[in-house]
């Protein structure tokens, strides 16, 4: 099994003192070799520091995750296969030991 982690990215269109945060999409991250739901919860919390970021200009936060089979493809990967016939840009993989 593997965990798919979904994030939301925000960009600051204001200043450091008068911030105006705007949602700008997000990413999907893959963590392989996750045994079960309990293991997935621990894994997601463990990789949080590798994914999330926050500064005066950009923020990325985990908004959701799900446990899937090893052959699961993200929406973007499926789109690449459908339109290009191959996956040139796989989901970002996070290593958790």
PDB file of N, CA and C in Angstrom:
ATOM      1  N   UNK A   1       0.838  -1.176   0.000  1.00  0.00           N
ATOM      2  CA  UNK A   1       0.000   0.000   0.000  1.00  0.00           C
ATOM      3  C   UNK A   1       0.890   1.249   0.000  1.00  0.00           C
ATOM      4  N   UNK A   2       0.279   2.359  -0.356  1.00  0.00           N
ATOM      5  CA  UNK A   2       0.984   3.636  -0.276  1.00  0.00           C
ATOM      6  C   UNK A   2       0.011   4.721   0.153  1.00  0.00           C
ATOM      7  N   UNK A   3       0.563   5.761   0.741  1.00  0.00           N
ATOM      8  CA  UNK A   3      -0.236   6.903   1.168  1.00  0.00           C
ATOM      9  C   UNK A   3      -0.066   8.020   0.142  1.00  0.00           C
ATOM     10  N   UNK A   4      -1.182   8.627  -0.245  1.00  0.00           N
ATOM     11  CA  UNK A   4      -1.166   9.811  -1.099  1.00  0.00           C
ATOM     12  C   UNK A   4      -1.515  10.994  -0.201  1.00  0.00           C
ATOM     13  N   UNK A   5      -0.652  11.993  -0.187  1.00  0.00           N
ATOM     14  CA  UNK A   5      -0.836  13.167   0.666  1.00  0.00           C
ATOM     15  C   UNK A   5      -1.142  14.362  -0.226  1.00  0.00           C
ATOM     16  N   UNK A   6      -2.218  15.067   0.082  1.00  0.00           N
ATOM     17  CA  UNK A   6      -2.659  16.219  -0.695  1.00  0.00           C
ATOM     18  C   UNK A   6      -2.338  17.502   0.069  1.00  0.00           C
ATOM     19  N   UNK A   7      -1.828  18.511  -0.646  1.00  0.00           N
ATOM     20  CA  UNK A   7      -1.487  19.774  -0.004  1.00  0.00           C
ATOM     21  C   UNK A   7      -2.208  20.940  -0.672  1.00  0.00           C
ATOM     22  N   UNK A   8      -2.223  22.062   0.025  1.00  0.00           N
ATOM     23  CA  UNK A   8      -2.727  23.329  -0.514  1.00  0.00           C
ATOM     24  C   UNK A   8      -1.593  24.336  -0.397  1.00  0.00           C
ATOM     25  N   UNK A   9      -1.351  25.063  -1.484  1.00  0.00           N
ATOM     26  CA  UNK A   9      -0.320  26.099  -1.506  1.00  0.00           C
ATOM     27  C   UNK A   9      -0.999  27.460  -1.504  1.00  0.00           C
ATOM     28  N   UNK A  10      -0.476  28.363  -0.697  1.00  0.00           N
ATOM     29  CA  UNK A  10      -0.951  29.750  -0.649  1.00  0.00           C
ATOM     30  C   UNK A  10       0.226  30.671  -0.930  1.00  0.00           C
ATOM     31  N   UNK A  11      -0.021  31.738  -1.704  1.00  0.00           N
ATOM     32  CA  UNK A  11       0.996  32.757  -1.947  1.00  0.00           C
ATOM     33  C   UNK A  11       0.521  34.075  -1.351  1.00  0.00           C
ATOM     34  N   UNK A  12       1.469  34.840  -0.822  1.00  0.00           N
ATOM     35  CA  UNK A  12       1.159  36.134  -0.235  1.00  0.00           C
ATOM     36  C   UNK A  12       1.253  37.212  -1.315  1.00  0.00           C
ATOM     37  N   UNK A  13       0.126  37.826  -1.623  1.00  0.00           N
ATOM     38  CA  UNK A  13       0.090  38.908  -2.599  1.00  0.00           C
ATOM     39  C   UNK A  13       0.181  40.269  -1.919  1.00  0.00           C
ATOM     40  N   UNK A  14       0.327  40.274  -0.617  1.00  0.00           N
ATOM     41  CA  UNK A  14       0.464  41.511   0.140  1.00  0.00           C
ATOM     42  C   UNK A  14       1.907  41.734   0.528  1.00  0.00           C
ATOM     43  N   UNK A  15       2.084  42.245   1.720  1.00  0.00           N
ATOM     44  CA  UNK A  15       3.420  42.498   2.256  1.00  0.00           C
ATOM     45  C   UNK A  15       3.625  41.635   3.495  1.00  0.00           C
ATOM     46  N   UNK A  16       4.799  41.710   4.054  1.00  0.00           N
ATOM     47  CA  UNK A  16       5.076  40.950   5.271  1.00  0.00           C
ATOM     48  C   UNK A  16       4.166  41.381   6.418  1.00  0.00           C
ATOM     49  N   UNK A  17       3.879  42.678   6.495  1.00  0.00           N
ATOM     50  CA  UNK A  17       3.066  43.200   7.597  1.00  0.00           C
ATOM     51  C   UNK A  17       1.574  43.219   7.285  1.00  0.00           C
ATOM     52  N   UNK A  18       1.210  43.259   6.020  1.00  0.00           N
ATOM     53  CA  UNK A  18      -0.194  43.293   5.606  1.00  0.00           C
ATOM     54  C   UNK A  18      -0.426  42.189   4.569  1.00  0.00           C
ATOM     55  N   UNK A  19      -0.434  40.955   5.059  1.00  0.00           N
ATOM     56  CA  UNK A  19      -0.498  39.786   4.172  1.00  0.00           C
ATOM     57  C   UNK A  19      -1.869  39.636   3.518  1.00  0.00           C
ATOM     58  N   UNK A  20      -1.852  39.166   2.255  1.00  0.00           N
ATOM     59  CA  UNK A  20      -3.062  38.807   1.523  1.00  0.00           C
ATOM     60  C   UNK A  20      -2.786  37.456   0.877  1.00  0.00           C
ATOM     61  N   UNK A  21      -3.245  36.383   1.544  1.00  0.00           N
ATOM     62  CA  UNK A  21      -2.956  35.021   1.111  1.00  0.00           C
ATOM     63  C   UNK A  21      -3.975  34.555   0.081  1.00  0.00           C
ATOM     64  N   UNK A  22      -3.465  33.990  -1.016  1.00  0.00           N
ATOM     65  CA  UNK A  22      -4.318  33.503  -2.094  1.00  0.00           C
ATOM     66  C   UNK A  22      -3.970  32.042  -2.389  1.00  0.00           C
ATOM     67  N   UNK A  23      -4.989  31.182  -2.449  1.00  0.00           N
ATOM     68  CA  UNK A  23      -4.781  29.763  -2.755  1.00  0.00           C
ATOM     69  C   UNK A  23      -4.280  29.618  -4.188  1.00  0.00           C
ATOM     70  N   UNK A  24      -3.251  28.798  -4.370  1.00  0.00           N
ATOM     71  CA  UNK A  24      -2.627  28.630  -5.674  1.00  0.00           C
ATOM     72  C   UNK A  24      -2.447  27.158  -6.044  1.00  0.00           C
ATOM     73  N   UNK A  25      -3.405  26.322  -5.758  1.00  0.00           N
ATOM     74  CA  UNK A  25      -3.275  24.909  -6.102  1.00  0.00           C
ATOM     75  C   UNK A  25      -2.599  24.136  -4.999  1.00  0.00           C
ATOM     76  N   UNK A  26      -2.008  23.014  -5.359  1.00  0.00           N
ATOM     77  CA  UNK A  26      -1.348  22.166  -4.388  1.00  0.00           C
ATOM     78  C   UNK A  26      -0.614  21.043  -5.070  1.00  0.00           C
ATOM     79  N   UNK A  27      -0.139  20.101  -4.302  1.00  0.00           N
ATOM     80  CA  UNK A  27       0.608  18.962  -4.818  1.00  0.00           C
ATOM     81  C   UNK A  27       0.079  17.669  -4.219  1.00  0.00           C
ATOM     82  N   UNK A  28       0.519  16.576  -4.832  1.00  0.00           N
ATOM     83  CA  UNK A  28       0.245  15.239  -4.318  1.00  0.00           C
ATOM     84  C   UNK A  28       1.589  14.560  -4.093  1.00  0.00           C
ATOM     85  N   UNK A  29       1.767  14.012  -2.912  1.00  0.00           N
ATOM     86  CA  UNK A  29       2.990  13.322  -2.551  1.00  0.00           C
ATOM     87  C   UNK A  29       2.669  11.861  -2.283  1.00  0.00           C
ATOM     88  N   UNK A  30       3.628  10.982  -2.590  1.00  0.00           N
ATOM     89  CA  UNK A  30       3.464   9.544  -2.403  1.00  0.00           C
ATOM     90  C   UNK A  30       4.460   9.057  -1.362  1.00  0.00           C
ATOM     91  N   UNK A  31       3.974   8.239  -0.421  1.00  0.00           N
ATOM     92  CA  UNK A  31       4.843   7.538   0.525  1.00  0.00           C
ATOM     93  C   UNK A  31       4.555   6.056   0.347  1.00  0.00           C
ATOM     94  N   UNK A  32       5.562   5.292  -0.043  1.00  0.00           N
ATOM     95  CA  UNK A  32       5.393   3.858  -0.324  1.00  0.00           C
ATOM     96  C   UNK A  32       5.561   3.013   0.942  1.00  0.00           C
ATOM     97  N   UNK A  33       5.151   1.759   0.823  1.00  0.00           N
ATOM     98  CA  UNK A  33       5.334   0.757   1.877  1.00  0.00           C
ATOM     99  C   UNK A  33       4.637   1.122   3.184  1.00  0.00           C
ATOM    100  N   UNK A  34       3.376   1.508   3.067  1.00  0.00           N
ATOM    101  CA  UNK A  34       2.549   1.806   4.230  1.00  0.00           C
ATOM    102  C   UNK A  34       1.638   0.604   4.451  1.00  0.00           C
ATOM    103  N   UNK A  35       1.677   0.032   5.636  1.00  0.00           N
ATOM    104  CA  UNK A  35       1.009  -1.243   5.900  1.00  0.00           C
ATOM    105  C   UNK A  35      -0.508  -1.127   6.073  1.00  0.00           C
ATOM    106  N   UNK A  36      -0.973  -0.108   6.822  1.00  0.00           N
ATOM    107  CA  UNK A  36      -2.392  -0.023   7.150  1.00  0.00           C
ATOM    108  C   UNK A  36      -2.743   1.418   7.535  1.00  0.00           C
ATOM    109  N   UNK A  37      -3.991   1.664   7.905  1.00  0.00           N
ATOM    110  CA  UNK A  37      -4.444   3.021   8.243  1.00  0.00           C
ATOM    111  C   UNK A  37      -3.662   3.614   9.422  1.00  0.00           C
ATOM    112  N   UNK A  38      -3.427   2.801  10.442  1.00  0.00           N
ATOM    113  CA  UNK A  38      -2.688   3.300  11.607  1.00  0.00           C
ATOM    114  C   UNK A  38      -1.263   3.693  11.209  1.00  0.00           C
ATOM    115  N   UNK A  39      -0.616   2.850  10.425  1.00  0.00           N
ATOM    116  CA  UNK A  39       0.727   3.136   9.935  1.00  0.00           C
ATOM    117  C   UNK A  39       0.714   4.388   9.047  1.00  0.00           C
ATOM    118  N   UNK A  40      -0.336   4.555   8.242  1.00  0.00           N
ATOM    119  CA  UNK A  40      -0.445   5.724   7.367  1.00  0.00           C
ATOM    120  C   UNK A  40      -0.548   7.011   8.174  1.00  0.00           C
ATOM    121  N   UNK A  41      -1.326   6.988   9.249  1.00  0.00           N
ATOM    122  CA  UNK A  41      -1.461   8.172  10.100  1.00  0.00           C
ATOM    123  C   UNK A  41      -0.108   8.565  10.695  1.00  0.00           C
ATOM    124  N   UNK A  42       0.614   7.590  11.200  1.00  0.00           N
ATOM    125  CA  UNK A  42       1.939   7.844  11.774  1.00  0.00           C
ATOM    126  C   UNK A  42       2.892   8.354  10.688  1.00  0.00           C
ATOM    127  N   UNK A  43       2.823   7.758   9.515  1.00  0.00           N
ATOM    128  CA  UNK A  43       3.683   8.156   8.395  1.00  0.00           C
ATOM    129  C   UNK A  43       3.427   9.594   7.972  1.00  0.00           C
ATOM    130  N   UNK A  44       2.158   9.956   7.803  1.00  0.00           N
ATOM    131  CA  UNK A  44       1.817  11.324   7.386  1.00  0.00           C
ATOM    132  C   UNK A  44       2.329  12.335   8.401  1.00  0.00           C
ATOM    133  N   UNK A  45       2.152  12.053   9.678  1.00  0.00           N
ATOM    134  CA  UNK A  45       2.673  12.959  10.703  1.00  0.00           C
ATOM    135  C   UNK A  45       4.203  13.011  10.669  1.00  0.00           C
ATOM    136  N   UNK A  46       4.825  11.894  10.345  1.00  0.00           N
ATOM    137  CA  UNK A  46       6.280  11.829  10.304  1.00  0.00           C
ATOM    138  C   UNK A  46       6.907  12.575   9.139  1.00  0.00           C
ATOM    139  N   UNK A  47       6.224  12.630   8.010  1.00  0.00           N
ATOM    140  CA  UNK A  47       6.782  13.318   6.835  1.00  0.00           C
ATOM    141  C   UNK A  47       6.321  14.766   6.730  1.00  0.00           C
ATOM    142  N   UNK A  48       5.479  15.204   7.645  1.00  0.00           N
ATOM    143  CA  UNK A  48       4.936  16.562   7.613  1.00  0.00           C
ATOM    144  C   UNK A  48       6.031  17.619   7.441  1.00  0.00           C
ATOM    145  N   UNK A  49       7.142  17.466   8.156  1.00  0.00           N
ATOM    146  CA  UNK A  49       8.212  18.471   8.082  1.00  0.00           C
ATOM    147  C   UNK A  49       8.915  18.484   6.726  1.00  0.00           C
ATOM    148  N   UNK A  50       8.835  17.394   5.962  1.00  0.00           N
ATOM    149  CA  UNK A  50       9.421  17.341   4.627  1.00  0.00           C
ATOM    150  C   UNK A  50       8.521  17.999   3.582  1.00  0.00           C
ATOM    151  N   UNK A  51       7.245  18.195   3.913  1.00  0.00           N
ATOM    152  CA  UNK A  51       6.268  18.705   2.950  1.00  0.00           C
ATOM    153  C   UNK A  51       5.856  20.138   3.255  1.00  0.00           C
ATOM    154  N   UNK A  52       5.450  20.362   4.480  1.00  0.00           N
ATOM    155  CA  UNK A  52       4.889  21.673   4.820  1.00  0.00           C
ATOM    156  C   UNK A  52       5.975  22.738   4.924  1.00  0.00           C
ATOM    157  N   UNK A  53       5.606  23.941   4.517  1.00  0.00           N
ATOM    158  CA  UNK A  53       6.502  25.088   4.649  1.00  0.00           C
ATOM    159  C   UNK A  53       5.669  26.324   4.921  1.00  0.00           C
ATOM    160  N   UNK A  54       6.279  27.295   5.561  1.00  0.00           N
ATOM    161  CA  UNK A  54       5.583  28.537   5.845  1.00  0.00           C
ATOM    162  C   UNK A  54       6.613  29.644   6.031  1.00  0.00           C
ATOM    163  N   UNK A  55       6.478  30.685   5.226  1.00  0.00           N
ATOM    164  CA  UNK A  55       7.310  31.877   5.385  1.00  0.00           C
ATOM    165  C   UNK A  55       6.466  33.087   5.004  1.00  0.00           C
ATOM    166  N   UNK A  56       7.077  34.241   4.853  1.00  0.00           N
ATOM    167  CA  UNK A  56       6.324  35.462   4.557  1.00  0.00           C
ATOM    168  C   UNK A  56       5.706  35.473   3.162  1.00  0.00           C
ATOM    169  N   UNK A  57       6.141  34.557   2.283  1.00  0.00           N
ATOM    170  CA  UNK A  57       5.723  34.615   0.891  1.00  0.00           C
ATOM    171  C   UNK A  57       4.888  33.424   0.419  1.00  0.00           C
ATOM    172  N   UNK A  58       5.115  32.244   0.995  1.00  0.00           N
ATOM    173  CA  UNK A  58       4.413  31.041   0.554  1.00  0.00           C
ATOM    174  C   UNK A  58       4.163  30.114   1.742  1.00  0.00           C
ATOM    175  N   UNK A  59       3.032  29.419   1.678  1.00  0.00           N
ATOM    176  CA  UNK A  59       2.694  28.393   2.669  1.00  0.00           C
ATOM    177  C   UNK A  59       2.207  27.159   1.916  1.00  0.00           C
ATOM    178  N   UNK A  60       2.628  26.003   2.392  1.00  0.00           N
ATOM    179  CA  UNK A  60       2.096  24.747   1.871  1.00  0.00           C
ATOM    180  C   UNK A  60       1.730  23.893   3.067  1.00  0.00           C
ATOM    181  N   UNK A  61       0.486  23.429   3.108  1.00  0.00           N
ATOM    182  CA  UNK A  61       0.020  22.631   4.234  1.00  0.00           C
ATOM    183  C   UNK A  61      -0.674  21.362   3.739  1.00  0.00           C
ATOM    184  N   UNK A  62      -0.579  20.317   4.529  1.00  0.00           N
ATOM    185  CA  UNK A  62      -1.288  19.070   4.232  1.00  0.00           C
ATOM    186  C   UNK A  62      -2.765  19.297   4.519  1.00  0.00           C
ATOM    187  N   UNK A  63      -3.621  18.965   3.543  1.00  0.00           N
ATOM    188  CA  UNK A  63      -5.055  19.120   3.745  1.00  0.00           C
ATOM    189  C   UNK A  63      -5.796  17.791   3.826  1.00  0.00           C
ATOM    190  N   UNK A  64      -5.172  16.718   3.316  1.00  0.00           N
ATOM    191  CA  UNK A  64      -5.828  15.414   3.350  1.00  0.00           C
ATOM    192  C   UNK A  64      -4.821  14.346   2.954  1.00  0.00           C
ATOM    193  N   UNK A  65      -5.181  13.096   3.181  1.00  0.00           N
ATOM    194  CA  UNK A  65      -4.388  11.967   2.719  1.00  0.00           C
ATOM    195  C   UNK A  65      -5.300  10.758   2.607  1.00  0.00           C
ATOM    196  N   UNK A  66      -4.852   9.762   1.834  1.00  0.00           N
ATOM    197  CA  UNK A  66      -5.596   8.509   1.765  1.00  0.00           C
ATOM    198  C   UNK A  66      -4.639   7.370   1.494  1.00  0.00           C
ATOM    199  N   UNK A  67      -5.029   6.196   1.930  1.00  0.00           N
ATOM    200  CA  UNK A  67      -4.271   4.967   1.732  1.00  0.00           C
ATOM    201  C   UNK A  67      -4.797   4.298   0.472  1.00  0.00           C
ATOM    202  N   UNK A  68      -3.892   3.935  -0.444  1.00  0.00           N
ATOM    203  CA  UNK A  68      -4.296   3.366  -1.730  1.00  0.00           C
ATOM    204  C   UNK A  68      -3.435   2.155  -2.061  1.00  0.00           C
ATOM    205  N   UNK A  69      -3.868   1.390  -3.058  1.00  0.00           N
ATOM    206  CA  UNK A  69      -3.082   0.253  -3.529  1.00  0.00           C
ATOM    207  C   UNK A  69      -1.809   0.738  -4.217  1.00  0.00           C
ATOM    208  N   UNK A  70      -0.829  -0.145  -4.317  1.00  0.00           N
ATOM    209  CA  UNK A  70       0.454   0.212  -4.923  1.00  0.00           C
ATOM    210  C   UNK A  70       0.333   0.635  -6.387  1.00  0.00           C
ATOM    211  N   UNK A  71      -0.681   0.143  -7.089  1.00  0.00           N
ATOM    212  CA  UNK A  71      -0.826   0.481  -8.512  1.00  0.00           C
ATOM    213  C   UNK A  71      -1.651   1.751  -8.753  1.00  0.00           C
ATOM    214  N   UNK A  72      -2.052   2.437  -7.694  1.00  0.00           N
ATOM    215  CA  UNK A  72      -2.843   3.663  -7.809  1.00  0.00           C
ATOM    216  C   UNK A  72      -2.033   4.761  -8.497  1.00  0.00           C
ATOM    217  N   UNK A  73      -2.672   5.474  -9.419  1.00  0.00           N
ATOM    218  CA  UNK A  73      -2.063   6.632 -10.066  1.00  0.00           C
ATOM    219  C   UNK A  73      -2.809   7.888  -9.643  1.00  0.00           C
ATOM    220  N   UNK A  74      -2.070   8.968  -9.433  1.00  0.00           N
ATOM    221  CA  UNK A  74      -2.712  10.235  -9.105  1.00  0.00           C
ATOM    222  C   UNK A  74      -3.485  10.733 -10.318  1.00  0.00           C
ATOM    223  N   UNK A  75      -4.334  11.718 -10.098  1.00  0.00           N
ATOM    224  CA  UNK A  75      -5.109  12.286 -11.198  1.00  0.00           C
ATOM    225  C   UNK A  75      -4.189  12.833 -12.295  1.00  0.00           C
ATOM    226  N   UNK A  76      -3.113  13.501 -11.902  1.00  0.00           N
ATOM    227  CA  UNK A  76      -2.183  14.054 -12.877  1.00  0.00           C
ATOM    228  C   UNK A  76      -1.461  12.951 -13.649  1.00  0.00           C
ATOM    229  N   UNK A  77      -1.086  11.863 -12.975  1.00  0.00           N
ATOM    230  CA  UNK A  77      -0.442  10.738 -13.660  1.00  0.00           C
ATOM    231  C   UNK A  77      -1.395  10.083 -14.657  1.00  0.00           C
ATOM    232  N   UNK A  78      -2.663   9.898 -14.260  1.00  0.00           N
ATOM    233  CA  UNK A  78      -3.657   9.324 -15.184  1.00  0.00           C
ATOM    234  C   UNK A  78      -3.863  10.223 -16.392  1.00  0.00           C
ATOM    235  N   UNK A  79      -3.879  11.519 -16.180  1.00  0.00           N
ATOM    236  CA  UNK A  79      -4.035  12.484 -17.272  1.00  0.00           C
ATOM    237  C   UNK A  79      -2.868  12.386 -18.257  1.00  0.00           C
ATOM    238  N   UNK A  80      -1.661  12.260 -17.730  1.00  0.00           N
ATOM    239  CA  UNK A  80      -0.501  12.123 -18.608  1.00  0.00           C
ATOM    240  C   UNK A  80      -0.593  10.868 -19.462  1.00  0.00           C
ATOM    241  N   UNK A  81      -0.998   9.763 -18.850  1.00  0.00           N
ATOM    242  CA  UNK A  81      -1.148   8.516 -19.608  1.00  0.00           C
ATOM    243  C   UNK A  81      -2.203   8.651 -20.694  1.00  0.00           C
ATOM    244  N   UNK A  82      -3.309   9.294 -20.358  1.00  0.00           N
ATOM    245  CA  UNK A  82      -4.399   9.446 -21.312  1.00  0.00           C
ATOM    246  C   UNK A  82      -3.996  10.313 -22.505  1.00  0.00           C
ATOM    247  N   UNK A  83      -3.338  11.424 -22.244  1.00  0.00           N
ATOM    248  CA  UNK A  83      -3.050  12.380 -23.309  1.00  0.00           C
ATOM    249  C   UNK A  83      -1.674  12.220 -23.944  1.00  0.00           C
ATOM    250  N   UNK A  84      -0.690  11.713 -23.210  1.00  0.00           N
ATOM    251  CA  UNK A  84       0.671  11.602 -23.724  1.00  0.00           C
ATOM    252  C   UNK A  84       1.110  10.153 -23.931  1.00  0.00           C
ATOM    253  N   UNK A  85       0.380   9.219 -23.321  1.00  0.00           N
ATOM    254  CA  UNK A  85       0.735   7.817 -23.449  1.00  0.00           C
ATOM    255  C   UNK A  85       1.841   7.370 -22.504  1.00  0.00           C
ATOM    256  N   UNK A  86       2.337   8.272 -21.659  1.00  0.00           N
ATOM    257  CA  UNK A  86       3.390   7.949 -20.694  1.00  0.00           C
ATOM    258  C   UNK A  86       3.359   8.976 -19.572  1.00  0.00           C
ATOM    259  N   UNK A  87       4.038   8.622 -18.474  1.00  0.00           N
ATOM    260  CA  UNK A  87       4.119   9.520 -17.319  1.00  0.00           C
ATOM    261  C   UNK A  87       5.512  10.134 -17.288  1.00  0.00           C
ATOM    262  N   UNK A  88       5.605  11.396 -17.660  1.00  0.00           N
ATOM    263  CA  UNK A  88       6.871  12.120 -17.610  1.00  0.00           C
ATOM    264  C   UNK A  88       7.097  12.788 -16.251  1.00  0.00           C
ATOM    265  N   UNK A  89       6.012  13.092 -15.548  1.00  0.00           N
ATOM    266  CA  UNK A  89       6.094  13.806 -14.276  1.00  0.00           C
ATOM    267  C   UNK A  89       5.336  13.040 -13.196  1.00  0.00           C
ATOM    268  N   UNK A  90       5.990  12.028 -12.599  1.00  0.00           N
ATOM    269  CA  UNK A  90       5.317  11.261 -11.542  1.00  0.00           C
ATOM    270  C   UNK A  90       5.112  12.100 -10.286  1.00  0.00           C
ATOM    271  N   UNK A  91       4.211  11.642  -9.429  1.00  0.00           N
ATOM    272  CA  UNK A  91       3.989  12.321  -8.146  1.00  0.00           C
ATOM    273  C   UNK A  91       5.287  12.355  -7.357  1.00  0.00           C
ATOM    274  N   UNK A  92       5.451  13.393  -6.555  1.00  0.00           N
ATOM    275  CA  UNK A  92       6.659  13.524  -5.732  1.00  0.00           C
ATOM    276  C   UNK A  92       6.648  12.437  -4.671  1.00  0.00           C
ATOM    277  N   UNK A  93       7.758  11.727  -4.561  1.00  0.00           N
ATOM    278  CA  UNK A  93       7.853  10.634  -3.586  1.00  0.00           C
ATOM    279  C   UNK A  93       8.637  11.085  -2.361  1.00  0.00           C
ATOM    280  N   UNK A  94       8.076  10.812  -1.197  1.00  0.00           N
ATOM    281  CA  UNK A  94       8.692  11.131   0.086  1.00  0.00           C
ATOM    282  C   UNK A  94       9.184   9.817   0.709  1.00  0.00           C
ATOM    283  N   UNK A  95      10.377   9.829   1.223  1.00  0.00           N
ATOM    284  CA  UNK A  95      10.940   8.634   1.860  1.00  0.00           C
ATOM    285  C   UNK A  95      10.714   8.739   3.366  1.00  0.00           C
ATOM    286  N   UNK A  96      10.123   7.698   3.930  1.00  0.00           N
ATOM    287  CA  UNK A  96       9.885   7.617   5.369  1.00  0.00           C
ATOM    288  C   UNK A  96      10.396   6.268   5.847  1.00  0.00           C
ATOM    289  N   UNK A  97      11.341   6.301   6.740  1.00  0.00           N
ATOM    290  CA  UNK A  97      11.936   5.047   7.209  1.00  0.00           C
ATOM    291  C   UNK A  97      11.413   4.657   8.557  1.00  0.00           C
TER     292      UNK A  97
END
